[in-house]
Amino acid sequence: MQIKHEKRNGAIICRIEGQININTSEALSVFFDNFAGFSGQKVLLNFSKVEYIDSMGMATVIKIHKKCLASGSSLVLSDVPPKIGSIFKITKVDRVFSIFPTEQEALNSFIKA
């Protein structure tokens, strides 16, 4: 798994590539721990290049979401592939997140908020 990030329009855009699973979840968690204390930050997770997510990966993404909420930050997801989107729907995780079809629509949601 690789994470590329940039700051654009006042938001941190994180593009995740590869698999989010039991072997990579810790790295994802550590990456976000580096943003600890980013009160009021806007965070976008782009899933366009995520190939697979397991239950540990979903738990990690939910944990990141909870950290964002606790710090007054916003977290949205974009470009979720259909295969992963169906897993989110089956497990009802799609009710936890704001999920947008494209990165631009996700960025626009921050402006409207």
PDB file of N, CA and C in Angstrom:
ATOM      1  N   MET A   1       0.844  -1.179   0.000  1.00  0.00           N
ATOM      2  CA  MET A   1       0.000   0.000   0.000  1.00  0.00           C
ATOM      3  C   MET A   1       0.886   1.237   0.000  1.00  0.00           C
ATOM      4  N   GLN A   2       0.488   2.209  -0.784  1.00  0.00           N
ATOM      5  CA  GLN A   2       1.157   3.503  -0.816  1.00  0.00           C
ATOM      6  C   GLN A   2       0.121   4.588  -0.565  1.00  0.00           C
ATOM      7  N   ILE A   3       0.568   5.655   0.061  1.00  0.00           N
ATOM      8  CA  ILE A   3      -0.305   6.804   0.298  1.00  0.00           C
ATOM      9  C   ILE A   3       0.417   8.039  -0.225  1.00  0.00           C
ATOM     10  N   LYS A   4      -0.207   8.695  -1.166  1.00  0.00           N
ATOM     11  CA  LYS A   4       0.308   9.959  -1.670  1.00  0.00           C
ATOM     12  C   LYS A   4      -0.645  11.035  -1.183  1.00  0.00           C
ATOM     13  N   HIS A   5      -0.091  12.147  -0.741  1.00  0.00           N
ATOM     14  CA  HIS A   5      -0.989  13.194  -0.246  1.00  0.00           C
ATOM     15  C   HIS A   5      -0.532  14.568  -0.729  1.00  0.00           C
ATOM     16  N   GLU A   6      -1.497  15.439  -0.771  1.00  0.00           N
ATOM     17  CA  GLU A   6      -1.247  16.829  -1.129  1.00  0.00           C
ATOM     18  C   GLU A   6      -2.280  17.692  -0.432  1.00  0.00           C
ATOM     19  N   LYS A   7      -1.957  18.946  -0.303  1.00  0.00           N
ATOM     20  CA  LYS A   7      -2.919  19.883   0.262  1.00  0.00           C
ATOM     21  C   LYS A   7      -3.410  20.758  -0.889  1.00  0.00           C
ATOM     22  N   ARG A   8      -4.748  20.810  -1.029  1.00  0.00           N
ATOM     23  CA  ARG A   8      -5.335  21.602  -2.104  1.00  0.00           C
ATOM     24  C   ARG A   8      -6.657  22.173  -1.633  1.00  0.00           C
ATOM     25  N   ASN A   9      -6.870  23.433  -1.908  1.00  0.00           N
ATOM     26  CA  ASN A   9      -8.112  24.117  -1.531  1.00  0.00           C
ATOM     27  C   ASN A   9      -8.430  23.944  -0.048  1.00  0.00           C
ATOM     28  N   GLY A  10      -7.405  23.961   0.784  1.00  0.00           N
ATOM     29  CA  GLY A  10      -7.604  23.848   2.228  1.00  0.00           C
ATOM     30  C   GLY A  10      -7.893  22.445   2.721  1.00  0.00           C
ATOM     31  N   ALA A  11      -7.735  21.459   1.859  1.00  0.00           N
ATOM     32  CA  ALA A  11      -8.012  20.068   2.250  1.00  0.00           C
ATOM     33  C   ALA A  11      -6.756  19.216   2.049  1.00  0.00           C
ATOM     34  N   ILE A  12      -6.639  18.184   2.864  1.00  0.00           N
ATOM     35  CA  ILE A  12      -5.595  17.189   2.671  1.00  0.00           C
ATOM     36  C   ILE A  12      -6.210  16.063   1.851  1.00  0.00           C
ATOM     37  N   ILE A  13      -5.657  15.841   0.671  1.00  0.00           N
ATOM     38  CA  ILE A  13      -6.136  14.777  -0.211  1.00  0.00           C
ATOM     39  C   ILE A  13      -5.152  13.615  -0.103  1.00  0.00           C
ATOM     40  N   CYS A  14      -5.663  12.475   0.305  1.00  0.00           N
ATOM     41  CA  CYS A  14      -4.839  11.272   0.445  1.00  0.00           C
ATOM     42  C   CYS A  14      -5.297  10.255  -0.588  1.00  0.00           C
ATOM     43  N   ARG A  15      -4.392   9.900  -1.469  1.00  0.00           N
ATOM     44  CA  ARG A  15      -4.690   8.903  -2.503  1.00  0.00           C
ATOM     45  C   ARG A  15      -4.021   7.599  -2.094  1.00  0.00           C
ATOM     46  N   ILE A  16      -4.854   6.626  -1.794  1.00  0.00           N
ATOM     47  CA  ILE A  16      -4.372   5.329  -1.314  1.00  0.00           C
ATOM     48  C   ILE A  16      -4.299   4.377  -2.497  1.00  0.00           C
ATOM     49  N   GLU A  17      -3.180   3.660  -2.590  1.00  0.00           N
ATOM     50  CA  GLU A  17      -2.991   2.689  -3.671  1.00  0.00           C
ATOM     51  C   GLU A  17      -2.713   1.320  -3.078  1.00  0.00           C
ATOM     52  N   GLY A  18      -3.327   0.291  -3.648  1.00  0.00           N
ATOM     53  CA  GLY A  18      -3.064  -1.077  -3.208  1.00  0.00           C
ATOM     54  C   GLY A  18      -4.159  -1.613  -2.317  1.00  0.00           C
ATOM     55  N   GLN A  19      -3.739  -2.384  -1.330  1.00  0.00           N
ATOM     56  CA  GLN A  19      -4.684  -3.050  -0.442  1.00  0.00           C
ATOM     57  C   GLN A  19      -4.634  -2.451   0.960  1.00  0.00           C
ATOM     58  N   ILE A  20      -5.826  -2.329   1.552  1.00  0.00           N
ATOM     59  CA  ILE A  20      -5.926  -1.921   2.957  1.00  0.00           C
ATOM     60  C   ILE A  20      -6.362  -3.171   3.702  1.00  0.00           C
ATOM     61  N   ASN A  21      -5.410  -3.813   4.347  1.00  0.00           N
ATOM     62  CA  ASN A  21      -5.706  -5.090   4.987  1.00  0.00           C
ATOM     63  C   ASN A  21      -4.929  -5.229   6.291  1.00  0.00           C
ATOM     64  N   ILE A  22      -4.977  -6.403   6.846  1.00  0.00           N
ATOM     65  CA  ILE A  22      -4.338  -6.649   8.133  1.00  0.00           C
ATOM     66  C   ILE A  22      -2.835  -6.331   8.102  1.00  0.00           C
ATOM     67  N   ASN A  23      -2.226  -6.465   6.935  1.00  0.00           N
ATOM     68  CA  ASN A  23      -0.797  -6.204   6.809  1.00  0.00           C
ATOM     69  C   ASN A  23      -0.453  -4.736   6.598  1.00  0.00           C
ATOM     70  N   THR A  24      -1.406  -3.941   6.126  1.00  0.00           N
ATOM     71  CA  THR A  24      -1.127  -2.539   5.810  1.00  0.00           C
ATOM     72  C   THR A  24      -1.878  -1.544   6.694  1.00  0.00           C
ATOM     73  N   SER A  25      -2.817  -2.017   7.474  1.00  0.00           N
ATOM     74  CA  SER A  25      -3.635  -1.122   8.298  1.00  0.00           C
ATOM     75  C   SER A  25      -2.814  -0.307   9.280  1.00  0.00           C
ATOM     76  N   GLU A  26      -1.807  -0.935   9.854  1.00  0.00           N
ATOM     77  CA  GLU A  26      -0.960  -0.225  10.817  1.00  0.00           C
ATOM     78  C   GLU A  26      -0.260   0.962  10.138  1.00  0.00           C
ATOM     79  N   ALA A  27       0.231   0.771   8.922  1.00  0.00           N
ATOM     80  CA  ALA A  27       0.899   1.859   8.200  1.00  0.00           C
ATOM     81  C   ALA A  27      -0.073   3.002   7.924  1.00  0.00           C
ATOM     82  N   LEU A  28      -1.309   2.676   7.579  1.00  0.00           N
ATOM     83  CA  LEU A  28      -2.322   3.702   7.343  1.00  0.00           C
ATOM     84  C   LEU A  28      -2.614   4.462   8.627  1.00  0.00           C
ATOM     85  N   SER A  29      -2.733   3.740   9.708  1.00  0.00           N
ATOM     86  CA  SER A  29      -2.997   4.359  11.003  1.00  0.00           C
ATOM     87  C   SER A  29      -1.847   5.284  11.418  1.00  0.00           C
ATOM     88  N   VAL A  30      -0.620   4.834  11.241  1.00  0.00           N
ATOM     89  CA  VAL A  30       0.558   5.641  11.582  1.00  0.00           C
ATOM     90  C   VAL A  30       0.607   6.896  10.714  1.00  0.00           C
ATOM     91  N   PHE A  31       0.310   6.739   9.433  1.00  0.00           N
ATOM     92  CA  PHE A  31       0.279   7.895   8.536  1.00  0.00           C
ATOM     93  C   PHE A  31      -0.664   8.961   9.088  1.00  0.00           C
ATOM     94  N   PHE A  32      -1.852   8.554   9.506  1.00  0.00           N
ATOM     95  CA  PHE A  32      -2.815   9.524  10.021  1.00  0.00           C
ATOM     96  C   PHE A  32      -2.475  10.017  11.412  1.00  0.00           C
ATOM     97  N   ASP A  33      -1.755   9.247  12.176  1.00  0.00           N
ATOM     98  CA  ASP A  33      -1.314   9.736  13.481  1.00  0.00           C
ATOM     99  C   ASP A  33      -0.391  10.945  13.319  1.00  0.00           C
ATOM    100  N   ASN A  34       0.292  11.028  12.177  1.00  0.00           N
ATOM    101  CA  ASN A  34       1.135  12.191  11.904  1.00  0.00           C
ATOM    102  C   ASN A  34       0.311  13.462  11.756  1.00  0.00           C
ATOM    103  N   PHE A  35      -0.995  13.325  11.486  1.00  0.00           N
ATOM    104  CA  PHE A  35      -1.882  14.473  11.379  1.00  0.00           C
ATOM    105  C   PHE A  35      -2.612  14.741  12.700  1.00  0.00           C
ATOM    106  N   ALA A  36      -2.207  14.048  13.762  1.00  0.00           N
ATOM    107  CA  ALA A  36      -2.876  14.225  15.057  1.00  0.00           C
ATOM    108  C   ALA A  36      -2.847  15.699  15.451  1.00  0.00           C
ATOM    109  N   GLY A  37      -3.954  16.161  15.961  1.00  0.00           N
ATOM    110  CA  GLY A  37      -4.046  17.553  16.372  1.00  0.00           C
ATOM    111  C   GLY A  37      -4.357  18.496  15.208  1.00  0.00           C
ATOM    112  N   PHE A  38      -4.832  17.951  14.110  1.00  0.00           N
ATOM    113  CA  PHE A  38      -5.148  18.799  12.956  1.00  0.00           C
ATOM    114  C   PHE A  38      -6.574  19.302  13.036  1.00  0.00           C
ATOM    115  N   SER A  39      -6.868  19.894  14.142  1.00  0.00           N
ATOM    116  CA  SER A  39      -8.210  20.369  14.431  1.00  0.00           C
ATOM    117  C   SER A  39      -8.782  21.206  13.280  1.00  0.00           C
ATOM    118  N   GLY A  40      -9.993  20.864  12.896  1.00  0.00           N
ATOM    119  CA  GLY A  40     -10.688  21.610  11.858  1.00  0.00           C
ATOM    120  C   GLY A  40     -10.234  21.311  10.445  1.00  0.00           C
ATOM    121  N   GLN A  41      -9.389  20.332  10.263  1.00  0.00           N
ATOM    122  CA  GLN A  41      -8.863  19.994   8.939  1.00  0.00           C
ATOM    123  C   GLN A  41      -9.910  19.281   8.086  1.00  0.00           C
ATOM    124  N   LYS A  42      -9.797  19.435   6.798  1.00  0.00           N
ATOM    125  CA  LYS A  42     -10.656  18.733   5.839  1.00  0.00           C
ATOM    126  C   LYS A  42      -9.805  17.636   5.209  1.00  0.00           C
ATOM    127  N   VAL A  43     -10.269  16.397   5.317  1.00  0.00           N
ATOM    128  CA  VAL A  43      -9.494  15.252   4.839  1.00  0.00           C
ATOM    129  C   VAL A  43     -10.323  14.472   3.825  1.00  0.00           C
ATOM    130  N   LEU A  44      -9.704  14.181   2.687  1.00  0.00           N
ATOM    131  CA  LEU A  44     -10.354  13.425   1.625  1.00  0.00           C
ATOM    132  C   LEU A  44      -9.529  12.171   1.359  1.00  0.00           C
ATOM    133  N   LEU A  45     -10.162  11.027   1.438  1.00  0.00           N
ATOM    134  CA  LEU A  45      -9.508   9.764   1.087  1.00  0.00           C
ATOM    135  C   LEU A  45      -9.994   9.348  -0.296  1.00  0.00           C
ATOM    136  N   ASN A  46      -9.088   9.338  -1.250  1.00  0.00           N
ATOM    137  CA  ASN A  46      -9.409   8.917  -2.603  1.00  0.00           C
ATOM    138  C   ASN A  46      -9.101   7.428  -2.708  1.00  0.00           C
ATOM    139  N   PHE A  47     -10.130   6.631  -2.978  1.00  0.00           N
ATOM    140  CA  PHE A  47     -10.019   5.173  -3.027  1.00  0.00           C
ATOM    141  C   PHE A  47      -9.867   4.634  -4.448  1.00  0.00           C
ATOM    142  N   SER A  48      -9.645   5.497  -5.430  1.00  0.00           N
ATOM    143  CA  SER A  48      -9.670   5.055  -6.830  1.00  0.00           C
ATOM    144  C   SER A  48      -8.690   3.929  -7.137  1.00  0.00           C
ATOM    145  N   LYS A  49      -7.587   3.867  -6.399  1.00  0.00           N
ATOM    146  CA  LYS A  49      -6.586   2.833  -6.667  1.00  0.00           C
ATOM    147  C   LYS A  49      -6.495   1.789  -5.558  1.00  0.00           C
ATOM    148  N   VAL A  50      -7.531   1.739  -4.715  1.00  0.00           N
ATOM    149  CA  VAL A  50      -7.587   0.701  -3.685  1.00  0.00           C
ATOM    150  C   VAL A  50      -8.143  -0.559  -4.332  1.00  0.00           C
ATOM    151  N   GLU A  51      -7.380  -1.626  -4.257  1.00  0.00           N
ATOM    152  CA  GLU A  51      -7.755  -2.882  -4.903  1.00  0.00           C
ATOM    153  C   GLU A  51      -8.575  -3.798  -4.004  1.00  0.00           C
ATOM    154  N   TYR A  52      -8.394  -3.645  -2.685  1.00  0.00           N
ATOM    155  CA  TYR A  52      -9.006  -4.590  -1.753  1.00  0.00           C
ATOM    156  C   TYR A  52      -9.011  -3.957  -0.372  1.00  0.00           C
ATOM    157  N   ILE A  53     -10.040  -4.248   0.398  1.00  0.00           N
ATOM    158  CA  ILE A  53     -10.082  -3.844   1.799  1.00  0.00           C
ATOM    159  C   ILE A  53     -10.690  -4.987   2.596  1.00  0.00           C
ATOM    160  N   ASP A  54     -10.059  -5.333   3.715  1.00  0.00           N
ATOM    161  CA  ASP A  54     -10.614  -6.380   4.572  1.00  0.00           C
ATOM    162  C   ASP A  54     -11.197  -5.735   5.829  1.00  0.00           C
ATOM    163  N   SER A  55     -11.658  -6.561   6.753  1.00  0.00           N
ATOM    164  CA  SER A  55     -12.319  -6.034   7.947  1.00  0.00           C
ATOM    165  C   SER A  55     -11.376  -5.186   8.795  1.00  0.00           C
ATOM    166  N   MET A  56     -10.109  -5.550   8.856  1.00  0.00           N
ATOM    167  CA  MET A  56      -9.135  -4.746   9.606  1.00  0.00           C
ATOM    168  C   MET A  56      -8.948  -3.390   8.919  1.00  0.00           C
ATOM    169  N   GLY A  57      -8.919  -3.394   7.605  1.00  0.00           N
ATOM    170  CA  GLY A  57      -8.804  -2.143   6.863  1.00  0.00           C
ATOM    171  C   GLY A  57      -9.997  -1.238   7.089  1.00  0.00           C
ATOM    172  N   MET A  58     -11.195  -1.819   7.077  1.00  0.00           N
ATOM    173  CA  MET A  58     -12.395  -1.020   7.337  1.00  0.00           C
ATOM    174  C   MET A  58     -12.369  -0.469   8.754  1.00  0.00           C
ATOM    175  N   ALA A  59     -11.942  -1.287   9.699  1.00  0.00           N
ATOM    176  CA  ALA A  59     -11.860  -0.826  11.087  1.00  0.00           C
ATOM    177  C   ALA A  59     -10.884   0.342  11.209  1.00  0.00           C
ATOM    178  N   THR A  60      -9.796   0.284  10.478  1.00  0.00           N
ATOM    179  CA  THR A  60      -8.807   1.365  10.513  1.00  0.00           C
ATOM    180  C   THR A  60      -9.381   2.648   9.924  1.00  0.00           C
ATOM    181  N   VAL A  61     -10.080   2.546   8.809  1.00  0.00           N
ATOM    182  CA  VAL A  61     -10.684   3.735   8.199  1.00  0.00           C
ATOM    183  C   VAL A  61     -11.740   4.326   9.132  1.00  0.00           C
ATOM    184  N   ILE A  62     -12.499   3.485   9.800  1.00  0.00           N
ATOM    185  CA  ILE A  62     -13.488   3.971  10.773  1.00  0.00           C
ATOM    186  C   ILE A  62     -12.786   4.649  11.950  1.00  0.00           C
ATOM    187  N   LYS A  63     -11.684   4.087  12.392  1.00  0.00           N
ATOM    188  CA  LYS A  63     -10.902   4.675  13.492  1.00  0.00           C
ATOM    189  C   LYS A  63     -10.390   6.061  13.089  1.00  0.00           C
ATOM    190  N   ILE A  64      -9.923   6.186  11.860  1.00  0.00           N
ATOM    191  CA  ILE A  64      -9.457   7.484  11.360  1.00  0.00           C
ATOM    192  C   ILE A  64     -10.614   8.479  11.345  1.00  0.00           C
ATOM    193  N   HIS A  65     -11.780   8.004  10.920  1.00  0.00           N
ATOM    194  CA  HIS A  65     -12.972   8.861  10.898  1.00  0.00           C
ATOM    195  C   HIS A  65     -13.302   9.354  12.311  1.00  0.00           C
ATOM    196  N   LYS A  66     -13.240   8.467  13.282  1.00  0.00           N
ATOM    197  CA  LYS A  66     -13.530   8.853  14.665  1.00  0.00           C
ATOM    198  C   LYS A  66     -12.526   9.881  15.175  1.00  0.00           C
ATOM    199  N   LYS A  67     -11.251   9.726  14.814  1.00  0.00           N
ATOM    200  CA  LYS A  67     -10.231  10.699  15.211  1.00  0.00           C
ATOM    201  C   LYS A  67     -10.525  12.062  14.594  1.00  0.00           C
ATOM    202  N   CYS A  68     -10.946  12.043  13.351  1.00  0.00           N
ATOM    203  CA  CYS A  68     -11.293  13.299  12.684  1.00  0.00           C
ATOM    204  C   CYS A  68     -12.458  13.976  13.398  1.00  0.00           C
ATOM    205  N   LEU A  69     -13.492  13.226  13.679  1.00  0.00           N
ATOM    206  CA  LEU A  69     -14.651  13.797  14.375  1.00  0.00           C
ATOM    207  C   LEU A  69     -14.262  14.356  15.737  1.00  0.00           C
ATOM    208  N   ALA A  70     -13.426  13.618  16.465  1.00  0.00           N
ATOM    209  CA  ALA A  70     -13.012  14.052  17.802  1.00  0.00           C
ATOM    210  C   ALA A  70     -12.205  15.352  17.756  1.00  0.00           C
ATOM    211  N   SER A  71     -11.511  15.589  16.651  1.00  0.00           N
ATOM    212  CA  SER A  71     -10.685  16.789  16.551  1.00  0.00           C
ATOM    213  C   SER A  71     -11.401  17.934  15.815  1.00  0.00           C
ATOM    214  N   GLY A  72     -12.664  17.715  15.470  1.00  0.00           N
ATOM    215  CA  GLY A  72     -13.408  18.746  14.756  1.00  0.00           C
ATOM    216  C   GLY A  72     -13.084  18.809  13.275  1.00  0.00           C
ATOM    217  N   SER A  73     -12.495  17.761  12.757  1.00  0.00           N
ATOM    218  CA  SER A  73     -12.151  17.691  11.344  1.00  0.00           C
ATOM    219  C   SER A  73     -13.245  16.981  10.560  1.00  0.00           C
ATOM    220  N   SER A  74     -13.163  17.093   9.236  1.00  0.00           N
ATOM    221  CA  SER A  74     -14.109  16.423   8.352  1.00  0.00           C
ATOM    222  C   SER A  74     -13.365  15.389   7.525  1.00  0.00           C
ATOM    223  N   LEU A  75     -13.991  14.247   7.315  1.00  0.00           N
ATOM    224  CA  LEU A  75     -13.414  13.197   6.480  1.00  0.00           C
ATOM    225  C   LEU A  75     -14.459  12.737   5.479  1.00  0.00           C
ATOM    226  N   VAL A  76     -14.080  12.720   4.204  1.00  0.00           N
ATOM    227  CA  VAL A  76     -14.951  12.207   3.158  1.00  0.00           C
ATOM    228  C   VAL A  76     -14.154  11.234   2.298  1.00  0.00           C
ATOM    229  N   LEU A  77     -14.873  10.374   1.598  1.00  0.00           N
ATOM    230  CA  LEU A  77     -14.253   9.417   0.691  1.00  0.00           C
ATOM    231  C   LEU A  77     -14.679   9.747  -0.733  1.00  0.00           C
ATOM    232  N   SER A  78     -13.799   9.408  -1.682  1.00  0.00           N
ATOM    233  CA  SER A  78     -14.176   9.592  -3.083  1.00  0.00           C
ATOM    234  C   SER A  78     -13.664   8.427  -3.915  1.00  0.00           C
ATOM    235  N   ASP A  79     -14.238   8.316  -5.100  1.00  0.00           N
ATOM    236  CA  ASP A  79     -13.770   7.370  -6.119  1.00  0.00           C
ATOM    237  C   ASP A  79     -13.696   5.928  -5.606  1.00  0.00           C
ATOM    238  N   VAL A  80     -14.671   5.534  -4.815  1.00  0.00           N
ATOM    239  CA  VAL A  80     -14.684   4.176  -4.267  1.00  0.00           C
ATOM    240  C   VAL A  80     -15.067   3.201  -5.382  1.00  0.00           C
ATOM    241  N   PRO A  81     -14.187   2.243  -5.699  1.00  0.00           N
ATOM    242  CA  PRO A  81     -14.512   1.273  -6.748  1.00  0.00           C
ATOM    243  C   PRO A  81     -15.773   0.476  -6.394  1.00  0.00           C
ATOM    244  N   PRO A  82     -16.538   0.053  -7.401  1.00  0.00           N
ATOM    245  CA  PRO A  82     -17.793  -0.679  -7.138  1.00  0.00           C
ATOM    246  C   PRO A  82     -17.623  -1.882  -6.219  1.00  0.00           C
ATOM    247  N   LYS A  83     -16.557  -2.632  -6.391  1.00  0.00           N
ATOM    248  CA  LYS A  83     -16.339  -3.823  -5.560  1.00  0.00           C
ATOM    249  C   LYS A  83     -16.211  -3.444  -4.081  1.00  0.00           C
ATOM    250  N   ILE A  84     -15.482  -2.387  -3.797  1.00  0.00           N
ATOM    251  CA  ILE A  84     -15.317  -1.938  -2.405  1.00  0.00           C
ATOM    252  C   ILE A  84     -16.584  -1.250  -1.929  1.00  0.00           C
ATOM    253  N   GLY A  85     -17.231  -0.505  -2.819  1.00  0.00           N
ATOM    254  CA  GLY A  85     -18.498   0.134  -2.470  1.00  0.00           C
ATOM    255  C   GLY A  85     -19.550  -0.877  -2.053  1.00  0.00           C
ATOM    256  N   SER A  86     -19.571  -2.026  -2.720  1.00  0.00           N
ATOM    257  CA  SER A  86     -20.548  -3.057  -2.355  1.00  0.00           C
ATOM    258  C   SER A  86     -20.233  -3.635  -0.978  1.00  0.00           C
ATOM    259  N   ILE A  87     -18.976  -3.748  -0.640  1.00  0.00           N
ATOM    260  CA  ILE A  87     -18.596  -4.200   0.715  1.00  0.00           C
ATOM    261  C   ILE A  87     -19.054  -3.173   1.738  1.00  0.00           C
ATOM    262  N   PHE A  88     -18.858  -1.881   1.431  1.00  0.00           N
ATOM    263  CA  PHE A  88     -19.322  -0.830   2.335  1.00  0.00           C
ATOM    264  C   PHE A  88     -20.835  -0.909   2.528  1.00  0.00           C
ATOM    265  N   LYS A  89     -21.580  -1.185   1.455  1.00  0.00           N
ATOM    266  CA  LYS A  89     -23.038  -1.260   1.561  1.00  0.00           C
ATOM    267  C   LYS A  89     -23.483  -2.480   2.359  1.00  0.00           C
ATOM    268  N   ILE A  90     -22.888  -3.623   2.094  1.00  0.00           N
ATOM    269  CA  ILE A  90     -23.256  -4.852   2.798  1.00  0.00           C
ATOM    270  C   ILE A  90     -23.028  -4.712   4.297  1.00  0.00           C
ATOM    271  N   THR A  91     -21.919  -4.077   4.659  1.00  0.00           N
ATOM    272  CA  THR A  91     -21.576  -3.920   6.080  1.00  0.00           C
ATOM    273  C   THR A  91     -22.163  -2.648   6.696  1.00  0.00           C
ATOM    274  N   LYS A  92     -22.879  -1.885   5.860  1.00  0.00           N
ATOM    275  CA  LYS A  92     -23.511  -0.630   6.263  1.00  0.00           C
ATOM    276  C   LYS A  92     -22.508   0.459   6.659  1.00  0.00           C
ATOM    277  N   VAL A  93     -21.256   0.289   6.289  1.00  0.00           N
ATOM    278  CA  VAL A  93     -20.233   1.295   6.543  1.00  0.00           C
ATOM    279  C   VAL A  93     -20.494   2.535   5.691  1.00  0.00           C
ATOM    280  N   ASP A  94     -21.198   2.366   4.588  1.00  0.00           N
ATOM    281  CA  ASP A  94     -21.520   3.508   3.731  1.00  0.00           C
ATOM    282  C   ASP A  94     -22.389   4.533   4.450  1.00  0.00           C
ATOM    283  N   ARG A  95     -23.011   4.143   5.537  1.00  0.00           N
ATOM    284  CA  ARG A  95     -23.834   5.073   6.320  1.00  0.00           C
ATOM    285  C   ARG A  95     -22.984   5.938   7.246  1.00  0.00           C
ATOM    286  N   VAL A  96     -21.751   5.505   7.480  1.00  0.00           N
ATOM    287  CA  VAL A  96     -20.846   6.219   8.377  1.00  0.00           C
ATOM    288  C   VAL A  96     -20.164   7.386   7.662  1.00  0.00           C
ATOM    289  N   PHE A  97     -19.858   7.198   6.384  1.00  0.00           N
ATOM    290  CA  PHE A  97     -19.063   8.160   5.627  1.00  0.00           C
ATOM    291  C   PHE A  97     -19.892   8.920   4.599  1.00  0.00           C
ATOM    292  N   SER A  98     -19.407  10.106   4.274  1.00  0.00           N
ATOM    293  CA  SER A  98     -19.889  10.805   3.090  1.00  0.00           C
ATOM    294  C   SER A  98     -19.005  10.320   1.952  1.00  0.00           C
ATOM    295  N   ILE A  99     -19.628   9.684   0.959  1.00  0.00           N
ATOM    296  CA  ILE A  99     -18.886   9.102  -0.158  1.00  0.00           C
ATOM    297  C   ILE A  99     -19.319   9.809  -1.442  1.00  0.00           C
ATOM    298  N   PHE A 100     -18.333  10.285  -2.207  1.00  0.00           N
ATOM    299  CA  PHE A 100     -18.595  11.023  -3.433  1.00  0.00           C
ATOM    300  C   PHE A 100     -18.013  10.280  -4.630  1.00  0.00           C
ATOM    301  N   PRO A 101     -18.683  10.389  -5.787  1.00  0.00           N
ATOM    302  CA  PRO A 101     -18.219   9.674  -6.978  1.00  0.00           C
ATOM    303  C   PRO A 101     -16.840  10.128  -7.456  1.00  0.00           C
ATOM    304  N   THR A 102     -16.535  11.431  -7.279  1.00  0.00           N
ATOM    305  CA  THR A 102     -15.255  11.951  -7.762  1.00  0.00           C
ATOM    306  C   THR A 102     -14.565  12.789  -6.684  1.00  0.00           C
ATOM    307  N   GLU A 103     -13.266  12.923  -6.863  1.00  0.00           N
ATOM    308  CA  GLU A 103     -12.481  13.750  -5.951  1.00  0.00           C
ATOM    309  C   GLU A 103     -12.972  15.195  -5.967  1.00  0.00           C
ATOM    310  N   GLN A 104     -13.283  15.716  -7.147  1.00  0.00           N
ATOM    311  CA  GLN A 104     -13.736  17.097  -7.247  1.00  0.00           C
ATOM    312  C   GLN A 104     -15.057  17.319  -6.508  1.00  0.00           C
ATOM    313  N   GLU A 105     -15.983  16.367  -6.624  1.00  0.00           N
ATOM    314  CA  GLU A 105     -17.251  16.492  -5.896  1.00  0.00           C
ATOM    315  C   GLU A 105     -17.015  16.453  -4.395  1.00  0.00           C
ATOM    316  N   ALA A 106     -16.072  15.638  -3.960  1.00  0.00           N
ATOM    317  CA  ALA A 106     -15.738  15.581  -2.536  1.00  0.00           C
ATOM    318  C   ALA A 106     -15.147  16.915  -2.076  1.00  0.00           C
ATOM    319  N   LEU A 107     -14.244  17.493  -2.861  1.00  0.00           N
ATOM    320  CA  LEU A 107     -13.678  18.802  -2.527  1.00  0.00           C
ATOM    321  C   LEU A 107     -14.766  19.871  -2.485  1.00  0.00           C
ATOM    322  N   ASN A 108     -15.676  19.801  -3.443  1.00  0.00           N
ATOM    323  CA  ASN A 108     -16.784  20.764  -3.463  1.00  0.00           C
ATOM    324  C   ASN A 108     -17.660  20.664  -2.212  1.00  0.00           C
ATOM    325  N   SER A 109     -17.772  19.460  -1.653  1.00  0.00           N
ATOM    326  CA  SER A 109     -18.597  19.281  -0.445  1.00  0.00           C
ATOM    327  C   SER A 109     -18.021  20.067   0.730  1.00  0.00           C
ATOM    328  N   PHE A 110     -16.718  20.233   0.757  1.00  0.00           N
ATOM    329  CA  PHE A 110     -16.101  21.016   1.828  1.00  0.00           C
ATOM    330  C   PHE A 110     -16.458  22.493   1.697  1.00  0.00           C
ATOM    331  N   ILE A 111     -16.574  22.963   0.481  1.00  0.00           N
ATOM    332  CA  ILE A 111     -16.901  24.365   0.236  1.00  0.00           C
ATOM    333  C   ILE A 111     -18.332  24.650   0.667  1.00  0.00           C
ATOM    334  N   LYS A 112     -19.234  23.689   0.403  1.00  0.00           N
ATOM    335  CA  LYS A 112     -20.648  23.860   0.740  1.00  0.00           C
ATOM    336  C   LYS A 112     -20.907  23.743   2.224  1.00  0.00           C
ATOM    337  N   ALA A 113     -20.005  23.053   2.932  1.00  0.00           N
ATOM    338  CA  ALA A 113     -20.224  22.805   4.368  1.00  0.00           C
ATOM    339  C   ALA A 113     -20.035  24.044   5.197  1.00  0.00           C
TER     340      ALA A 113
END
